[in-house]
Protein backbone atom coordinates (compact mmCIF):
# COMPACT_ATOMS: atom_id res chain seq x y z
CA UNK A 1 80.50 166.78 65.63
CA UNK A 2 77.63 169.20 65.56
CA UNK A 3 75.54 169.89 68.57
CA UNK A 4 72.21 168.16 68.74
CA UNK A 5 70.67 171.60 68.35
CA UNK A 6 72.09 171.74 64.81
CA UNK A 7 70.99 168.33 63.52
CA UNK A 8 67.93 166.85 61.92
CA UNK A 9 65.22 165.32 64.07
CA UNK A 10 66.28 161.74 63.31
CA UNK A 11 69.94 162.42 64.02
CA UNK A 12 69.01 164.33 67.15
CA UNK A 13 67.15 161.29 68.47
CA UNK A 14 70.00 158.86 68.06
CA UNK A 15 72.53 161.36 69.39
CA UNK A 16 70.33 161.83 72.44
CA UNK A 17 70.08 158.07 72.85
CA UNK A 18 73.85 157.58 72.55
CA UNK A 19 74.35 160.33 75.12
CA UNK A 20 71.80 158.70 77.44
CA UNK A 21 73.46 155.32 77.00
CA UNK A 22 76.75 156.81 78.15
CA UNK A 23 74.99 158.23 81.20
CA UNK A 24 73.47 154.86 82.09
CA UNK A 25 76.86 153.18 81.70
CA UNK A 26 78.39 155.86 83.93
CA UNK A 27 75.90 155.09 86.71
CA UNK A 28 76.67 151.38 86.31
CA UNK A 29 80.33 152.18 86.97
CA UNK A 30 79.41 154.29 90.00
CA UNK A 31 77.25 151.62 91.64
CA UNK A 32 79.71 148.94 90.55
CA UNK A 33 82.43 150.71 92.51
CA UNK A 34 80.13 151.01 95.54
CA UNK A 35 79.84 147.22 95.38
CA UNK A 36 83.41 146.29 94.45
CA UNK A 37 85.97 148.59 96.06
CA UNK A 38 85.31 147.91 99.76
CA UNK A 39 86.04 144.69 101.64
CA UNK A 40 82.54 143.94 102.92
CA UNK A 41 81.80 141.09 105.30
CA UNK A 42 80.12 138.11 103.63
CA UNK A 43 76.82 137.31 105.39
CA UNK A 44 75.41 133.80 105.35
CA UNK A 45 73.01 133.30 102.42
CA UNK A 46 70.95 130.38 101.19
CA UNK A 47 71.72 129.15 97.63
CA UNK A 48 68.66 131.02 96.33
CA UNK A 49 69.63 134.21 98.16
CA UNK A 50 73.18 133.87 96.89
CA UNK A 51 71.97 133.45 93.31
CA UNK A 52 69.73 136.51 93.50
CA UNK A 53 72.55 138.48 95.09
CA UNK A 54 74.94 137.49 92.28
CA UNK A 55 72.44 138.41 89.56
CA UNK A 56 71.96 141.85 91.06
CA UNK A 57 75.60 142.62 91.77
CA UNK A 58 76.96 141.29 88.46
CA UNK A 59 74.45 143.48 86.62
CA UNK A 60 76.63 146.42 87.71
CA UNK A 61 79.49 145.29 85.49
CA UNK A 62 81.75 148.32 85.68
CA UNK A 63 84.35 146.75 83.40
CA UNK A 64 81.79 146.19 80.64
CA UNK A 65 80.49 149.74 81.06
CA UNK A 66 84.00 151.10 80.40
CA UNK A 67 84.30 148.93 77.28
CA UNK A 68 80.96 150.41 76.18
CA UNK A 69 82.44 153.90 76.72
CA UNK A 70 85.30 153.10 74.35
CA UNK A 71 83.04 151.74 71.61
CA UNK A 72 80.80 154.80 72.02
CA UNK A 73 83.84 157.08 71.78
CA UNK A 74 84.90 155.40 68.56
CA UNK A 75 81.39 155.87 67.16
CA UNK A 76 81.09 159.54 68.15
CA UNK A 77 84.60 160.42 66.95
CA UNK A 78 83.87 158.69 63.66
CA UNK A 79 80.72 160.78 63.30
CA UNK A 80 82.79 163.93 63.81
CA UNK A 81 85.20 163.02 60.99
CA UNK A 82 82.75 161.39 58.60
CA UNK A 83 81.69 164.73 57.11
CA UNK A 84 85.18 165.29 55.65
CA UNK A 85 85.86 163.64 52.29
CA UNK A 86 89.62 163.64 52.83
CA UNK A 87 91.90 164.01 55.85
CA UNK A 88 94.46 166.80 55.88
CA UNK A 89 96.66 168.52 58.45
CA UNK A 90 94.05 171.20 59.22
CA UNK A 91 91.32 168.65 59.96
CA UNK A 92 93.62 166.55 62.15
CA UNK A 93 94.87 169.65 63.98
CA UNK A 94 91.30 170.80 64.61
CA UNK A 95 90.41 167.32 65.86
CA UNK A 96 93.30 167.33 68.35
CA UNK A 97 92.54 170.83 69.64
CA UNK A 98 88.92 169.92 70.34
CA UNK A 99 89.95 166.69 72.09
CA UNK A 100 92.42 168.55 74.33
CA UNK A 101 89.80 171.09 75.41
CA UNK A 102 87.23 168.32 75.86
CA UNK A 103 89.34 166.04 78.05
CA UNK A 104 91.84 168.04 80.07
CA UNK A 105 90.06 170.91 81.92
CA UNK A 106 87.75 168.67 83.95
CA UNK A 107 90.52 166.10 84.33
CA UNK A 108 92.65 168.73 86.08
CA UNK A 109 89.81 169.69 88.40
CA UNK A 110 89.19 166.04 89.29
CA UNK A 111 92.83 165.56 90.26
CA UNK A 112 92.51 168.19 92.97
CA UNK A 113 89.36 166.48 94.26
CA UNK A 114 91.09 163.10 94.14
CA UNK A 115 94.07 164.32 96.18
CA UNK A 116 91.66 165.71 98.77
CA UNK A 117 89.88 162.34 99.00
CA UNK A 118 93.22 160.55 99.39
CA UNK A 119 94.21 162.77 102.30
CA UNK A 120 90.82 162.31 104.00
CA UNK A 121 90.69 158.53 103.50
CA UNK A 122 94.29 157.91 104.57
CA UNK A 123 93.75 159.88 107.76
CA UNK A 124 90.51 158.28 108.93
CA UNK A 125 90.04 154.83 107.36
CA UNK A 126 91.96 151.85 108.80
CA UNK A 127 94.02 149.51 106.62
CA UNK A 128 92.31 146.55 105.01
CA UNK A 129 89.05 148.33 104.16
CA UNK A 130 89.75 148.90 100.44
CA UNK A 131 90.49 146.35 97.73
CA UNK A 132 94.07 145.99 96.55
CA UNK A 133 94.24 148.45 93.64
CA UNK A 134 92.42 151.18 95.55
CA UNK A 135 94.53 150.69 98.67
CA UNK A 136 97.67 150.96 96.51
CA UNK A 137 96.35 154.14 94.90
CA UNK A 138 95.49 155.76 98.23
CA UNK A 139 99.00 155.16 99.54
CA UNK A 140 100.62 156.72 96.49
CA UNK A 141 102.85 159.66 97.49
CA UNK A 142 101.51 163.07 96.49
CA UNK A 143 104.54 164.64 94.82
CA UNK A 144 105.31 167.25 92.20
CA UNK A 145 106.42 164.58 89.76
CA UNK A 146 103.26 162.50 90.21
CA UNK A 147 101.07 165.59 90.00
CA UNK A 148 102.63 166.77 86.73
CA UNK A 149 102.25 163.28 85.27
CA UNK A 150 98.63 163.20 86.44
CA UNK A 151 97.91 166.58 84.84
CA UNK A 152 99.29 165.15 81.60
CA UNK A 153 96.92 162.18 81.92
CA UNK A 154 99.78 159.68 82.16
CA UNK A 155 99.84 158.89 85.89
CA UNK A 156 96.47 157.55 87.07
CA UNK A 157 96.93 156.45 90.68
CA UNK A 158 95.50 159.62 92.19
CA UNK A 159 92.10 158.73 90.76
CA UNK A 160 91.44 155.17 89.64
CA UNK A 161 88.96 155.95 86.81
CA UNK A 162 91.66 158.09 85.16
CA UNK A 163 93.16 154.96 83.62
CA UNK A 164 90.40 154.96 81.02
CA UNK A 165 91.13 158.61 80.22
CA UNK A 166 94.73 157.63 79.50
CA UNK A 167 93.40 155.00 77.09
CA UNK A 168 91.07 157.60 75.55
CA UNK A 169 93.99 159.98 75.04
CA UNK A 170 96.14 157.25 73.51
CA UNK A 171 93.53 156.30 70.93
CA UNK A 172 92.58 159.92 70.29
CA UNK A 173 96.11 160.45 69.00
CA UNK A 174 95.86 157.62 66.46
CA UNK A 175 92.15 157.94 65.73
CA UNK A 176 92.37 160.02 62.51
CA UNK A 177 94.56 157.30 60.99
CA UNK A 178 92.29 154.59 62.37
CA UNK A 179 89.27 156.35 60.86
CA UNK A 180 90.91 156.55 57.42
CA UNK A 181 91.70 152.83 57.54
CA UNK A 182 88.15 151.95 58.63
CA UNK A 183 86.63 154.18 55.95
CA UNK A 184 88.48 152.35 53.18
CA UNK A 185 86.59 149.15 52.47
CA UNK A 186 89.67 147.38 51.16
CA UNK A 187 91.65 148.07 54.34
CA UNK A 188 88.76 147.60 56.77
CA UNK A 189 88.96 143.84 57.28
CA UNK A 190 92.75 143.83 57.55
CA UNK A 191 92.60 146.70 60.05
CA UNK A 192 90.06 144.90 62.24
CA UNK A 193 92.15 141.73 62.20
CA UNK A 194 95.23 143.74 63.17
CA UNK A 195 93.32 145.43 66.00
CA UNK A 196 92.11 142.03 67.23
CA UNK A 197 95.71 140.76 67.28
CA UNK A 198 96.80 143.88 69.19
CA UNK A 199 93.95 143.34 71.66
CA UNK A 200 95.11 139.77 72.30
CA UNK A 201 98.72 140.72 73.00
CA UNK A 202 99.78 139.42 76.46
CA UNK A 203 100.64 142.84 77.87
CA UNK A 204 99.46 144.35 81.16
CA UNK A 205 95.80 145.34 81.06
CA UNK A 206 96.43 148.92 82.11
CA UNK A 207 98.51 149.56 78.96
CA UNK A 208 95.25 149.64 77.02
CA UNK A 209 96.15 147.65 73.90
CA UNK A 210 93.19 145.36 74.56
CA UNK A 211 90.85 148.26 73.72
CA UNK A 212 92.21 148.81 70.21
CA UNK A 213 89.37 146.72 68.82
CA UNK A 214 86.82 148.73 70.84
CA UNK A 215 87.73 151.99 69.10
CA UNK A 216 87.99 150.28 65.72
CA UNK A 217 84.54 148.71 65.89
CA UNK A 218 83.09 151.94 67.26
CA UNK A 219 84.58 153.88 64.35
CA UNK A 220 82.99 151.40 61.95
CA UNK A 221 79.40 151.92 63.15
CA UNK A 222 78.58 155.17 61.27
CA UNK A 223 80.36 153.85 58.15
CA UNK A 224 78.19 150.75 57.72
CA UNK A 225 75.01 150.59 55.61
CA UNK A 226 71.85 151.61 57.43
CA UNK A 227 70.08 148.28 56.89
CA UNK A 228 69.91 145.72 59.67
CA UNK A 229 69.04 142.05 59.71
CA UNK A 230 65.58 140.73 60.49
CA UNK A 231 66.41 139.73 64.05
CA UNK A 232 68.61 142.69 64.93
CA UNK A 233 66.48 143.57 67.97
CA UNK A 234 66.88 140.08 69.40
CA UNK A 235 70.63 140.19 68.77
CA UNK A 236 70.85 143.53 70.58
CA UNK A 237 68.95 142.13 73.55
CA UNK A 238 71.24 139.08 73.74
CA UNK A 239 74.27 141.37 73.45
CA UNK A 240 72.99 143.41 76.38
CA UNK A 241 72.71 140.25 78.49
CA UNK A 242 76.27 139.35 77.50
CA UNK A 243 77.48 142.81 78.54
CA UNK A 244 75.94 142.39 81.97
CA UNK A 245 76.74 138.78 82.75
CA UNK A 246 79.65 137.50 80.68
CA UNK A 247 82.07 137.80 83.61
CA UNK A 248 79.60 135.93 85.82
CA UNK A 249 79.42 133.10 83.27
CA UNK A 250 83.21 133.02 82.78
CA UNK A 251 84.16 133.38 86.45
CA UNK A 252 85.06 129.71 86.95
CA UNK A 253 87.19 129.39 83.81
CA UNK A 254 90.02 131.69 84.97
CA UNK A 255 90.51 133.17 81.50
CA UNK A 256 92.67 136.25 80.91
CA UNK A 257 90.72 139.45 81.45
CA UNK A 258 91.32 140.48 77.85
CA UNK A 259 89.02 137.67 76.69
CA UNK A 260 86.09 139.16 78.62
CA UNK A 261 87.03 142.62 77.31
CA UNK A 262 86.89 141.42 73.71
CA UNK A 263 83.57 139.63 74.24
CA UNK A 264 82.16 142.82 75.75
CA UNK A 265 83.57 144.85 72.84
CA UNK A 266 81.61 142.77 70.32
CA UNK A 267 78.47 142.91 72.49
CA UNK A 268 78.78 146.70 72.86
CA UNK A 269 79.19 147.02 69.09
CA UNK A 270 75.96 145.08 68.51
CA UNK A 271 74.02 147.20 71.02
CA UNK A 272 75.29 150.57 69.76
CA UNK A 273 74.98 149.55 66.12
CA UNK A 274 71.33 148.62 66.69
CA UNK A 275 70.66 151.85 68.57
CA UNK A 276 72.36 153.89 65.84
CA UNK A 277 70.95 152.24 62.71
CA UNK A 278 67.56 150.82 63.69
CA UNK A 279 65.78 154.15 64.05
CA UNK A 280 64.09 152.72 67.13
CA UNK A 281 63.34 155.34 69.77
CA UNK A 282 63.51 154.20 73.39
CA UNK A 283 61.39 156.49 75.48
CA UNK A 284 63.55 156.13 78.57
CA UNK A 285 66.68 157.11 76.64
CA UNK A 286 64.91 160.15 75.23
CA UNK A 287 63.66 161.39 78.60
CA UNK A 288 65.22 164.67 79.69
CA UNK A 289 66.59 163.44 83.07
CA UNK A 290 68.43 160.53 81.42
CA UNK A 291 69.80 162.78 78.67
CA UNK A 292 70.96 165.20 81.38
CA UNK A 293 72.85 162.42 83.15
CA UNK A 294 74.44 161.57 79.81
CA UNK A 295 75.50 165.18 79.30
CA UNK A 296 77.07 165.18 82.77
CA UNK A 297 78.52 161.67 82.46
CA UNK A 298 82.13 162.77 81.96
CA UNK A 299 82.11 164.73 85.21
CA UNK A 300 80.22 162.00 87.05
CA UNK A 301 82.70 159.41 85.85
CA UNK A 302 85.80 161.37 86.83
CA UNK A 303 84.58 162.60 90.21
CA UNK A 304 82.42 159.79 91.58
CA UNK A 305 85.19 157.74 93.21
CA UNK A 306 86.79 160.63 95.14
CA UNK A 307 83.34 161.70 96.35
CA UNK A 308 82.46 158.10 97.25
CA UNK A 309 85.64 157.82 99.32
CA UNK A 310 84.86 161.05 101.17
CA UNK A 311 81.27 159.95 101.85
CA UNK A 312 82.37 156.52 103.07
CA UNK A 313 85.10 158.01 105.25
CA UNK A 314 82.76 160.51 106.91
CA UNK A 315 80.04 157.90 107.42
CA UNK A 316 82.56 155.44 108.82
CA UNK A 317 83.93 158.05 111.20
CA UNK A 318 80.44 158.76 112.55
CA UNK A 319 78.88 155.27 112.47
CA UNK A 320 81.91 153.02 112.59
CA UNK A 321 83.63 151.51 109.55
CA UNK A 322 83.03 147.97 110.85
CA UNK A 323 79.29 148.66 111.01
CA UNK A 324 79.22 149.77 107.39
CA UNK A 325 81.15 146.74 106.20
CA UNK A 326 78.96 144.37 108.23
CA UNK A 327 75.83 145.43 106.30
CA UNK A 328 76.96 145.28 102.67
CA UNK A 329 73.60 145.52 100.88
CA UNK A 330 72.41 148.56 102.82
CA UNK A 331 75.82 150.25 102.64
CA UNK A 332 76.19 149.64 98.91
CA UNK A 333 72.75 150.98 98.10
CA UNK A 334 72.99 154.03 100.35
CA UNK A 335 76.56 154.82 99.36
CA UNK A 336 75.68 154.53 95.68
CA UNK A 337 72.63 156.78 95.93
CA UNK A 338 74.32 159.47 98.06
CA UNK A 339 77.38 159.46 95.80
CA UNK A 340 75.22 159.67 92.68
CA UNK A 341 73.30 162.67 94.03
CA UNK A 342 76.37 164.57 95.22
CA UNK A 343 78.43 163.78 92.14
CA UNK A 344 75.64 164.74 89.75
CA UNK A 345 75.20 168.06 91.55
CA UNK A 346 78.92 168.82 91.37
CA UNK A 347 79.11 167.62 87.76
CA UNK A 348 76.25 169.96 86.89
CA UNK A 349 78.17 172.89 88.38
CA UNK A 350 81.47 172.07 86.70
CA UNK A 351 79.64 171.42 83.43
CA UNK A 352 78.32 174.98 83.36
CA UNK A 353 81.30 176.90 84.73
CA UNK A 354 84.24 174.83 83.48
CA UNK A 355 83.52 172.02 81.05
CA UNK A 356 81.11 173.68 78.62
CA UNK A 357 82.84 177.10 78.33
CA UNK A 358 86.27 175.60 77.71
CA UNK A 359 84.90 173.00 75.32
CA UNK A 360 83.31 175.82 73.32
CA UNK A 361 86.69 177.57 73.22
CA UNK A 362 88.18 174.37 71.83
CA UNK A 363 85.45 174.22 69.19
CA UNK A 364 86.12 177.80 68.13
CA UNK A 365 89.87 177.23 67.94
CA UNK A 366 89.23 174.07 65.95
CA UNK A 367 87.06 175.97 63.49
CA UNK A 368 89.69 178.70 63.28
CA UNK A 369 92.24 176.13 62.14
CA UNK A 370 89.82 174.93 59.47
CA UNK A 371 89.03 178.44 58.20
CA UNK A 372 91.29 179.71 55.44
CA UNK A 373 90.11 183.31 55.88
CA UNK A 374 90.70 185.13 59.20
CA UNK A 375 87.76 184.45 61.52
CA UNK A 376 85.34 187.21 62.40
CA UNK A 377 85.33 188.37 66.04
CA UNK A 378 82.77 186.55 68.13
CA UNK A 379 80.56 188.03 70.79
CA UNK A 380 80.62 186.20 74.16
CA UNK A 381 77.38 184.37 73.31
CA UNK A 382 77.79 183.92 69.55
CA UNK A 383 78.60 180.40 68.34
CA UNK A 384 78.29 178.97 71.86
CA UNK A 385 77.08 175.39 72.13
CA UNK A 386 75.08 173.95 74.98
CA UNK A 387 76.26 170.36 74.69
CA UNK A 388 79.77 169.55 75.87
CA UNK A 389 79.33 165.81 75.41
CA UNK A 390 79.70 166.23 71.66
CA UNK A 391 83.08 166.63 69.98
């Protein structure tokens, strides 16, 4: 997909807003992990205090934010392929090259940071502090085999958020075919039904089949007519509430997690579809700081948990881990803010020196595959893009 610097004003606005939305979702994941991954002590609260506490904490629905990522990915990848009338081997090859250079370089850097955080946390934090999946991850042996599998994006225990990158890689492989099926109106309904069936398969959540519908609905967004219903703004607002609080409402029903994932997929589709097609411009999503967070969101997402573990470990070593866990609200807020600041700073650095340069190389190689004639030599600054969050 073209950089926002190469698009019309209208397209630039909605691309900025989609980028900003990804940044907001990324921060929701970050603060959600500050709330969820440590075994805090439960202080006594009145029913009113407990209700307010639940409304605040459930608003940081990290699971829903990841579902939103997948629908956004489907939308953005669809935009990148929509300009081609027909798929061929060159287009698919170019697509894969750009995805490889987009995903892997920063992924490899984050693995080194994650291993460092594992070593620090295992050495200084007592057992029982972390929730089950994180404790299991931190006690994973650091071996050559695990490291190679991590570098391939297959093994995700070094860094918990990597599981979603494995899902992203899986659906990137099949996305050109998925896009062709979604573009054909005759096959569209059948494809969506098939994706819904795949999403409902009773397989382990980490396999990622439940997110098939997320990528399919995301791919559909740029292919739909630009007209929206009369009450589309109200529907988008209700969908946003569902994204935040569906797991709170369903908590007592003990439903399979895939049900909440599918509900959040539909809600994310409604929100992104409204943002994409309505032409409405949200000032907060068009502000430069929020756009910047969106541009850095990939780095923030991959690196926030290792940095959070290091920050918590150092703070616990100096102040006492029991003290941190005994004051959950203060610890969650402070840990989230400090992690957000440090991670954003590091993401800004890696964006400039690693992510953006290599992504531009991927773009150039992708265009080389598409060019029939031999490409002209490029100067170091020619054809460089300043937005790595675009494919």
